[in-house]
C-alpha atoms as a PDB file:
ATOM      1  CA  MET A   1       0.105   0.065   0.162  1.00  0.00           C
ATOM      2  CA  SER A   2       1.763   3.240  -1.458  1.00  0.00           C
ATOM      3  CA  THR A   3      -0.268   5.026  -2.931  1.00  0.00           C
ATOM      4  CA  SER A   4      -1.280   8.121  -1.810  1.00  0.00           C
ATOM      5  CA  ALA A   5      -5.109   7.707  -1.780  1.00  0.00           C
ATOM      6  CA  ALA A   6      -4.762   4.775   0.601  1.00  0.00           C
ATOM      7  CA  ALA A   7      -2.850   6.442   2.404  1.00  0.00           C
ATOM      8  CA  ALA A   8      -5.657   9.048   3.071  1.00  0.00           C
ATOM      9  CA  CYS A   9      -8.160   6.744   3.859  1.00  0.00           C
ATOM     10  CA  PHE A  10      -5.848   3.708   5.874  1.00  0.00           C
ATOM     11  CA  TRP A  11      -3.742   4.592   9.231  1.00  0.00           C
ATOM     12  CA  THR A  12      -1.418   1.651   9.938  1.00  0.00           C
ATOM     13  CA  PRO A  13      -0.707   1.967  13.629  1.00  0.00           C
ATOM     14  CA  ARG A  14       2.460  -0.795  12.993  1.00  0.00           C
ATOM     15  CA  ARG A  15       3.515  -1.197   9.383  1.00  0.00           C
ATOM     16  CA  ARG A  16       4.041  -5.121   8.858  1.00  0.00           C
ATOM     17  CA  PRO A  17       5.059  -5.253   5.252  1.00  0.00           C
ATOM     18  CA  GLY A  18       4.928  -9.208   5.949  1.00  0.00           C
ATOM     19  CA  ALA A  19       1.540  -9.993   7.159  1.00  0.00           C
ATOM     20  CA  ALA A  20      -0.058 -12.864   6.191  1.00  0.00           C
ATOM     21  CA  LEU A  21      -3.606 -11.001   6.453  1.00  0.00           C
ATOM     22  CA  ARG A  22      -4.576  -7.255   6.303  1.00  0.00           C
ATOM     23  CA  ALA A  23      -7.504  -6.054   8.800  1.00  0.00           C
ATOM     24  CA  VAL A  24      -9.313  -3.132   7.507  1.00  0.00           C
ATOM     25  CA  CYS A  25     -10.718  -1.668  10.281  1.00  0.00           C
ATOM     26  CA  PHE A  26     -13.637   0.679  10.849  1.00  0.00           C
ATOM     27  CA  PRO A  27     -14.568   2.494  13.733  1.00  0.00           C
ATOM     28  CA  HIS A  28     -17.815   2.959  15.739  1.00  0.00           C
ATOM     29  CA  ALA A  29     -20.123   6.683  15.196  1.00  0.00           C
ATOM     30  CA  GLY A  30     -17.780   9.398  17.116  1.00  0.00           C
ATOM     31  CA  GLY A  31     -14.322   7.302  16.929  1.00  0.00           C
ATOM     32  CA  ASP A  32     -11.852   7.836  15.012  1.00  0.00           C
ATOM     33  CA  ALA A  33      -8.828   5.355  13.499  1.00  0.00           C
ATOM     34  CA  LEU A  34      -6.805   5.633  16.353  1.00  0.00           C
ATOM     35  CA  SER A  35      -9.148   3.491  18.280  1.00  0.00           C
ATOM     36  CA  TYR A  36      -7.528   0.727  16.845  1.00  0.00           C
ATOM     37  CA  ALA A  37      -4.371   1.178  18.153  1.00  0.00           C
ATOM     38  CA  SER A  38      -3.938  -1.060  21.020  1.00  0.00           C
ATOM     39  CA  LEU A  39      -5.574  -3.782  18.901  1.00  0.00           C
ATOM     40  CA  ALA A  40      -3.146  -3.527  16.695  1.00  0.00           C
ATOM     41  CA  ARG A  41      -0.804  -3.979  18.988  1.00  0.00           C
ATOM     42  CA  ALA A  42      -2.444  -6.915  20.703  1.00  0.00           C
ATOM     43  CA  LEU A  43      -2.368  -8.955  17.268  1.00  0.00           C
ATOM     44  CA  PRO A  44       0.620 -10.918  16.258  1.00  0.00           C
ATOM     45  CA  ASP A  45       3.398 -10.121  13.785  1.00  0.00           C
ATOM     46  CA  ASP A  46       1.307 -11.701  10.566  1.00  0.00           C
ATOM     47  CA  VAL A  47      -1.308  -9.566  10.994  1.00  0.00           C
ATOM     48  CA  GLU A  48      -1.373  -5.770   9.781  1.00  0.00           C
ATOM     49  CA  VAL A  49      -4.183  -3.419  10.790  1.00  0.00           C
ATOM     50  CA  LEU A  50      -5.423  -1.091   8.199  1.00  0.00           C
ATOM     51  CA  ALA A  51      -7.712   1.487  10.406  1.00  0.00           C
ATOM     52  CA  VAL A  52     -10.307   3.426   8.793  1.00  0.00           C
ATOM     53  CA  ARG A  53      -9.809   7.477   8.871  1.00  0.00           C
ATOM     54  CA  MET A  54     -13.025   8.961   8.636  1.00  0.00           C
ATOM     55  CA  PRO A  55     -14.107  12.186   7.463  1.00  0.00           C
ATOM     56  CA  ARG A  56     -13.756  15.043   9.649  1.00  0.00           C
ATOM     57  CA  PRO A  57     -14.431  18.683   8.697  1.00  0.00           C
ATOM     58  CA  GLY A  58     -11.502  20.178   7.813  1.00  0.00           C
ATOM     59  CA  ASP A  59     -10.060  16.794   5.940  1.00  0.00           C
ATOM     60  CA  ARG A  60      -7.935  17.744   2.761  1.00  0.00           C
ATOM     61  CA  SER A  61      -7.663  14.166   1.795  1.00  0.00           C
ATOM     62  CA  GLY A  62     -10.382  14.193  -1.025  1.00  0.00           C
ATOM     63  CA  PRO A  63     -13.686  16.059  -1.606  1.00  0.00           C
ATOM     64  CA  PRO A  64     -16.400  16.121   0.847  1.00  0.00           C
ATOM     65  CA  VAL A  65     -18.272  13.234   1.855  1.00  0.00           C
ATOM     66  CA  ALA A  66     -21.901  13.531   1.380  1.00  0.00           C
ATOM     67  CA  ASP A  67     -23.456  10.406   2.235  1.00  0.00           C
ATOM     68  CA  LEU A  68     -22.503   6.640   3.023  1.00  0.00           C
ATOM     69  CA  ALA A  69     -22.494   5.447  -0.791  1.00  0.00           C
ATOM     70  CA  THR A  70     -20.094   8.082  -1.270  1.00  0.00           C
ATOM     71  CA  PHE A  71     -17.562   7.187   1.452  1.00  0.00           C
ATOM     72  CA  THR A  72     -17.879   3.067   1.272  1.00  0.00           C
ATOM     73  CA  ALA A  73     -16.876   3.852  -2.498  1.00  0.00           C
ATOM     74  CA  ARG A  74     -13.640   5.750  -1.732  1.00  0.00           C
ATOM     75  CA  ILE A  75     -12.598   3.356   0.773  1.00  0.00           C
ATOM     76  CA  ALA A  76     -13.244   0.342  -1.764  1.00  0.00           C
ATOM     77  CA  ALA A  77     -10.754   2.492  -4.521  1.00  0.00           C
ATOM     78  CA  ALA A  78      -7.924   2.334  -2.055  1.00  0.00           C
ATOM     79  CA  LEU A  79      -8.969  -0.844  -1.291  1.00  0.00           C
ATOM     80  CA  THR A  80      -7.100  -1.784  -4.814  1.00  0.00           C
ATOM     81  CA  ASP A  81      -3.565  -0.771  -3.316  1.00  0.00           C
ATOM     82  CA  VAL A  82      -4.306  -3.245  -0.601  1.00  0.00           C
ATOM     83  CA  ALA A  83      -2.214  -6.406  -0.880  1.00  0.00           C
ATOM     84  CA  PRO A  84      -4.604  -9.490  -0.683  1.00  0.00           C
ATOM     85  CA  PRO A  85      -5.650 -11.188   1.502  1.00  0.00           C
ATOM     86  CA  TYR A  86      -7.537  -8.667   3.550  1.00  0.00           C
ATOM     87  CA  MET A  87     -10.736  -8.951   6.089  1.00  0.00           C
ATOM     88  CA  MET A  88     -12.704  -6.248   7.351  1.00  0.00           C
ATOM     89  CA  VAL A  89     -13.613  -5.524  10.895  1.00  0.00           C
ATOM     90  CA  GLY A  90     -16.265  -2.705  12.297  1.00  0.00           C
ATOM     91  CA  GLN A  91     -17.857  -2.169  15.096  1.00  0.00           C
ATOM     92  CA  SER A  92     -21.374  -0.751  15.389  1.00  0.00           C
ATOM     93  CA  LEU A  93     -21.832   1.843  12.298  1.00  0.00           C
ATOM     94  CA  GLY A  94     -18.602   0.578  11.366  1.00  0.00           C
ATOM     95  CA  ALA A  95     -19.761  -2.377  10.984  1.00  0.00           C
ATOM     96  CA  LEU A  96     -21.933  -1.423   8.566  1.00  0.00           C
ATOM     97  CA  LEU A  97     -19.427   0.706   6.705  1.00  0.00           C
ATOM     98  CA  ALA A  98     -17.297  -2.135   6.703  1.00  0.00           C
ATOM     99  CA  PHE A  99     -20.222  -4.403   5.017  1.00  0.00           C
ATOM    100  CA  GLU A 100     -21.065  -1.557   2.089  1.00  0.00           C
ATOM    101  CA  THR A 101     -17.531  -1.355   1.507  1.00  0.00           C
ATOM    102  CA  ALA A 102     -16.756  -5.086   1.087  1.00  0.00           C
ATOM    103  CA  ARG A 103     -19.917  -4.920  -1.732  1.00  0.00           C
ATOM    104  CA  ALA A 104     -18.351  -2.067  -3.412  1.00  0.00           C
ATOM    105  CA  ALA A 105     -15.201  -3.328  -3.315  1.00  0.00           C
ATOM    106  CA  PRO A 106     -13.806  -4.187  -6.865  1.00  0.00           C
ATOM    107  CA  GLY A 107     -11.112  -7.242  -7.651  1.00  0.00           C
ATOM    108  CA  THR A 108     -10.157  -9.446  -4.843  1.00  0.00           C
ATOM    109  CA  PRO A 109     -13.124  -9.786  -2.040  1.00  0.00           C
ATOM    110  CA  PRO A 110     -12.536  -9.951   2.125  1.00  0.00           C
ATOM    111  CA  THR A 111     -11.768 -13.518   3.055  1.00  0.00           C
ATOM    112  CA  ALA A 112     -13.717 -12.598   6.055  1.00  0.00           C
ATOM    113  CA  CYS A 113     -15.799 -10.246   7.836  1.00  0.00           C
ATOM    114  CA  LEU A 114     -16.388  -9.571  11.621  1.00  0.00           C
ATOM    115  CA  PHE A 115     -19.040  -7.323  12.390  1.00  0.00           C
ATOM    116  CA  ILE A 116     -19.053  -6.453  15.874  1.00  0.00           C
ATOM    117  CA  SER A 117     -21.873  -4.823  17.766  1.00  0.00           C
ATOM    118  CA  SER A 118     -23.872  -4.212  14.731  1.00  0.00           C
ATOM    119  CA  ALA A 119     -27.870  -4.484  13.879  1.00  0.00           C
ATOM    120  CA  PRO A 120     -27.654  -6.039  10.488  1.00  0.00           C
ATOM    121  CA  PRO A 121     -28.382  -3.513   7.340  1.00  0.00           C
ATOM    122  CA  HIS A 122     -32.407  -3.723   7.156  1.00  0.00           C
ATOM    123  CA  ARG A 123     -32.551  -2.843  11.166  1.00  0.00           C
ATOM    124  CA  TRP A 124     -30.177   0.486  10.255  1.00  0.00           C
ATOM    125  CA  ALA A 125     -32.176   1.127   7.817  1.00  0.00           C
ATOM    126  CA  GLU A 126     -36.122   1.158   9.784  1.00  0.00           C
ATOM    127  CA  THR A 127     -34.441   3.388  12.110  1.00  0.00           C
ATOM    128  CA  LEU A 128     -33.141   5.980  10.376  1.00  0.00           C
ATOM    129  CA  ASP A 129     -35.913   8.272  11.471  1.00  0.00           C
ATOM    130  CA  LEU A 130     -33.914   7.898  15.640  1.00  0.00           C
ATOM    131  CA  TYR A 131     -31.102   9.211  13.883  1.00  0.00           C
ATOM    132  CA  ALA A 132     -32.083  12.050  12.177  1.00  0.00           C
ATOM    133  CA  ALA A 133     -34.129  13.262  15.325  1.00  0.00           C
ATOM    134  CA  ASN A 134     -32.949  16.326  17.433  1.00  0.00           C
ATOM    135  CA  GLY A 135     -31.059  15.157  20.490  1.00  0.00           C
ATOM    136  CA  ALA A 136     -30.338  12.054  18.752  1.00  0.00           C
ATOM    137  CA  ASP A 137     -26.344  12.851  18.922  1.00  0.00           C
ATOM    138  CA  ARG A 138     -26.850  14.205  22.305  1.00  0.00           C
ATOM    139  CA  ALA A 139     -28.528  10.956  23.504  1.00  0.00           C
ATOM    140  CA  LEU A 140     -25.742   8.481  21.293  1.00  0.00           C
ATOM    141  CA  LEU A 141     -22.917  10.646  23.628  1.00  0.00           C
ATOM    142  CA  SER A 142     -24.878   9.677  27.053  1.00  0.00           C
ATOM    143  CA  TYR A 143     -24.652   6.232  25.465  1.00  0.00           C
ATOM    144  CA  LEU A 144     -20.509   6.044  25.029  1.00  0.00           C
ATOM    145  CA  ARG A 145     -20.434   7.663  28.593  1.00  0.00           C
ATOM    146  CA  ASP A 146     -22.479   4.422  30.105  1.00  0.00           C
ATOM    147  CA  GLY A 147     -21.001   1.792  28.251  1.00  0.00           C
ATOM    148  CA  ASP A 148     -17.462   2.483  28.418  1.00  0.00           C
ATOM    149  CA  GLY A 149     -15.671   4.232  31.525  1.00  0.00           C
ATOM    150  CA  GLY A 150     -12.735   5.110  29.770  1.00  0.00           C
ATOM    151  CA  VAL A 151     -14.458   7.388  27.290  1.00  0.00           C
ATOM    152  CA  ALA A 152     -16.635   8.992  30.106  1.00  0.00           C
ATOM    153  CA  ALA A 153     -13.407   9.827  31.859  1.00  0.00           C
ATOM    154  CA  ALA A 154     -12.271  11.472  28.873  1.00  0.00           C
ATOM    155  CA  LEU A 155     -15.746  13.312  27.740  1.00  0.00           C
ATOM    156  CA  ASP A 156     -15.197  14.965  31.479  1.00  0.00           C
ATOM    157  CA  ASP A 157     -13.322  17.681  29.398  1.00  0.00           C
ATOM    158  CA  PRO A 158     -15.799  20.046  27.792  1.00  0.00           C
ATOM    159  CA  ALA A 159     -13.372  20.867  24.775  1.00  0.00           C
ATOM    160  CA  ALA A 160     -12.810  16.666  24.266  1.00  0.00           C
ATOM    161  CA  GLU A 161     -17.005  16.255  24.778  1.00  0.00           C
ATOM    162  CA  ALA A 162     -17.901  19.016  21.728  1.00  0.00           C
ATOM    163  CA  LEU A 163     -15.384  17.246  19.481  1.00  0.00           C
ATOM    164  CA  VAL A 164     -16.827  13.591  20.066  1.00  0.00           C
ATOM    165  CA  LEU A 165     -20.200  15.506  19.640  1.00  0.00           C
ATOM    166  CA  ARG A 166     -19.278  16.857  16.372  1.00  0.00           C
ATOM    167  CA  ASP A 167     -17.724  14.116  15.496  1.00  0.00           C
ATOM    168  CA  LEU A 168     -20.818  12.051  16.258  1.00  0.00           C
ATOM    169  CA  ARG A 169     -22.860  14.198  14.150  1.00  0.00           C
ATOM    170  CA  VAL A 170     -20.669  13.990  10.958  1.00  0.00           C
ATOM    171  CA  ASP A 171     -21.119  10.077  10.894  1.00  0.00           C
ATOM    172  CA  LEU A 172     -24.211  10.134  11.655  1.00  0.00           C
ATOM    173  CA  ARG A 173     -24.835  12.167   8.521  1.00  0.00           C
ATOM    174  CA  LEU A 174     -23.461   9.253   6.764  1.00  0.00           C
ATOM    175  CA  LEU A 175     -26.705   7.862   7.381  1.00  0.00           C
ATOM    176  CA  LYS A 176     -28.970  10.226   5.597  1.00  0.00           C
ATOM    177  CA  GLY A 177     -31.059   8.222   2.672  1.00  0.00           C
ATOM    178  CA  TYR A 178     -29.364   4.749   3.564  1.00  0.00           C
ATOM    179  CA  ALA A 179     -31.818   2.013   1.743  1.00  0.00           C
ATOM    180  CA  ALA A 180     -30.785  -1.565   3.128  1.00  0.00           C
ATOM    181  CA  SER A 181     -30.473  -4.116   0.156  1.00  0.00           C
ATOM    182  CA  VAL A 182     -29.489  -7.943   0.192  1.00  0.00           C
ATOM    183  CA  GLU A 183     -27.929  -8.223  -3.181  1.00  0.00           C
ATOM    184  CA  PRO A 184     -25.497  -8.214  -3.438  1.00  0.00           C
ATOM    185  CA  ARG A 185     -24.601 -10.928  -1.137  1.00  0.00           C
ATOM    186  CA  LEU A 186     -20.728 -11.170   0.252  1.00  0.00           C
ATOM    187  CA  THR A 187     -19.337 -14.472  -0.438  1.00  0.00           C
ATOM    188  CA  CYS A 188     -17.105 -14.620   2.377  1.00  0.00           C
ATOM    189  CA  PRO A 189     -17.666 -16.088   5.775  1.00  0.00           C
ATOM    190  CA  VAL A 190     -19.192 -13.047   8.396  1.00  0.00           C
ATOM    191  CA  ARG A 191     -18.384 -13.199  12.221  1.00  0.00           C
ATOM    192  CA  VAL A 192     -20.705 -11.744  14.254  1.00  0.00           C
ATOM    193  CA  LEU A 193     -20.025 -10.665  17.975  1.00  0.00           C
ATOM    194  CA  VAL A 194     -22.187  -9.154  20.052  1.00  0.00           C
ATOM    195  CA  GLY A 195     -21.700  -8.042  23.973  1.00  0.00           C
ATOM    196  CA  ALA A 196     -23.617 -10.180  26.725  1.00  0.00           C
ATOM    197  CA  GLU A 197     -24.335  -6.637  28.277  1.00  0.00           C
ATOM    198  CA  ASP A 198     -25.017  -4.489  25.425  1.00  0.00           C
ATOM    199  CA  PRO A 199     -28.272  -3.051  26.104  1.00  0.00           C
ATOM    200  CA  ALA A 200     -29.321  -2.378  22.474  1.00  0.00           C
ATOM    201  CA  LEU A 201     -28.200  -5.471  20.729  1.00  0.00           C
ATOM    202  CA  SER A 202     -28.812  -9.650  21.540  1.00  0.00           C
ATOM    203  CA  PRO A 203     -27.639 -12.332  19.854  1.00  0.00           C
ATOM    204  CA  ASP A 204     -31.296 -13.009  18.460  1.00  0.00           C
ATOM    205  CA  ASP A 205     -30.948  -9.267  16.763  1.00  0.00           C
ATOM    206  CA  VAL A 206     -28.094 -10.028  15.186  1.00  0.00           C
ATOM    207  CA  THR A 207     -28.774 -13.480  13.236  1.00  0.00           C
ATOM    208  CA  ALA A 208     -30.209 -11.729  10.173  1.00  0.00           C
ATOM    209  CA  TRP A 209     -26.811 -10.872   8.989  1.00  0.00           C
ATOM    210  CA  ARG A 210     -27.098 -14.485   7.689  1.00  0.00           C
ATOM    211  CA  ARG A 211     -29.445 -13.080   5.004  1.00  0.00           C
ATOM    212  CA  TYR A 212     -26.367 -10.685   3.539  1.00  0.00           C
ATOM    213  CA  THR A 213     -23.935 -13.944   2.467  1.00  0.00           C
ATOM    214  CA  THR A 214     -23.386 -16.793   0.811  1.00  0.00           C
ATOM    215  CA  GLY A 215     -20.896 -17.827   3.094  1.00  0.00           C
ATOM    216  CA  ALA A 216     -21.296 -19.453   6.290  1.00  0.00           C
ATOM    217  CA  CYS A 217     -22.510 -16.755   8.636  1.00  0.00           C
ATOM    218  CA  SER A 218     -21.983 -17.423  12.908  1.00  0.00           C
ATOM    219  CA  VAL A 219     -22.788 -15.399  16.120  1.00  0.00           C
ATOM    220  CA  GLY A 220     -20.897 -14.895  19.489  1.00  0.00           C
ATOM    221  CA  SER A 221     -21.874 -13.612  22.638  1.00  0.00           C
ATOM    222  CA  VAL A 222     -18.775 -12.229  24.854  1.00  0.00           C
ATOM    223  CA  PRO A 223     -18.879 -11.007  28.477  1.00  0.00           C
ATOM    224  CA  THR A 224     -19.104  -7.030  27.500  1.00  0.00           C
ATOM    225  CA  GLY A 225     -21.185  -4.383  26.936  1.00  0.00           C
ATOM    226  CA  HIS A 226     -21.817  -2.534  23.734  1.00  0.00           C
ATOM    227  CA  PHE A 227     -17.940  -1.478  23.265  1.00  0.00           C
ATOM    228  CA  VAL A 228     -16.524  -5.017  22.222  1.00  0.00           C
ATOM    229  CA  VAL A 229     -13.184  -3.748  20.861  1.00  0.00           C
ATOM    230  CA  ARG A 230     -12.064  -2.090  23.746  1.00  0.00           C
ATOM    231  CA  GLN A 231     -13.775  -4.027  26.214  1.00  0.00           C
ATOM    232  CA  GLY A 232     -13.310  -7.515  24.902  1.00  0.00           C
ATOM    233  CA  GLU A 233      -9.899  -7.039  22.985  1.00  0.00           C
ATOM    234  CA  ALA A 234      -9.164 -10.585  23.671  1.00  0.00           C
ATOM    235  CA  PHE A 235     -12.092 -12.113  21.886  1.00  0.00           C
ATOM    236  CA  VAL A 236     -11.582  -9.969  18.785  1.00  0.00           C
ATOM    237  CA  VAL A 237      -7.852 -10.414  18.549  1.00  0.00           C
ATOM    238  CA  GLN A 238      -8.738 -14.454  19.054  1.00  0.00           C
ATOM    239  CA  GLU A 239     -11.623 -14.082  16.058  1.00  0.00           C
ATOM    240  CA  ILE A 240      -8.586 -12.292  13.563  1.00  0.00           C
ATOM    241  CA  THR A 241      -6.054 -14.355  14.462  1.00  0.00           C
ATOM    242  CA  ARG A 242      -7.810 -17.242  13.661  1.00  0.00           C
ATOM    243  CA  VAL A 243      -8.841 -15.821  10.116  1.00  0.00           C
ATOM    244  CA  ALA A 244      -4.815 -15.555   9.469  1.00  0.00           C
ATOM    245  CA  ALA A 245      -4.420 -19.113  10.472  1.00  0.00           C
ATOM    246  CA  ALA A 246      -6.489 -20.706   8.490  1.00  0.00           C
ATOM    247  CA  GLY A 247      -5.206 -18.480   5.641  1.00  0.00           C
ATOM    248  CA  LEU A 248      -1.985 -19.796   6.527  1.00  0.00           C
ATOM    249  CA  ILE A 249      -3.246 -23.287   6.625  1.00  0.00           C
ATOM    250  CA  ALA A 250      -5.046 -22.695   2.595  1.00  0.00           C
ATOM    251  CA  GLU A 251      -1.582 -21.666   1.286  1.00  0.00           C
ATOM    252  CA  GLY A 252       0.608 -24.332   2.873  1.00  0.00           C
ATOM    253  CA  GLU A 253      -1.671 -27.380   1.440  1.00  0.00           C
END
């Protein structure tokens, strides 16, 4: 990955040119690429994390992003400079972005998708009015506070709270006009993780992800809240490492 387009779309916390697998990671609403720094350190040396840079005010990496389709098309185009195999990882809104990017990706499709703490696409589309409602961003900010102690501490700083609120609004605007469709289906395996203590989701809520791939789809519950990447990092490492190991086995056969 050497082009300016790819560099503008992805941040690589730890460069591993000889990696057997690259994990393209999308943050939750209001989050950023930095949220995957710890995961990148925890993964084995044969996995390289490409953390997606979310569109932010003042971003000079490209034209303004009007909607989800425009954003995912930009990321999908940058994937042409990513050496396969790669997998998609996304948490909450990031899972929806990862899914739509995987469908738009030209050339080699992802070898697997890991969707974390996310309802399936049609559920996002059904609740668009909630995200557009006045005060929705404030409600989500409260959810961030209640669901993640580390984030709550940071949000005690009024300046930090203002920045997160700004970024939440930018990310939620990506959903404007979003319409879910089953076709085209993914062709790769899909693994879905949900926190057992997540107040917004349960394993039953996410089983409909099976509609969106012709590959295998499985659901796992982990002992965390909504923010699984931070609260249950070891479980995410395990899932990504399993995909990397499967790829190595296939190459050796």
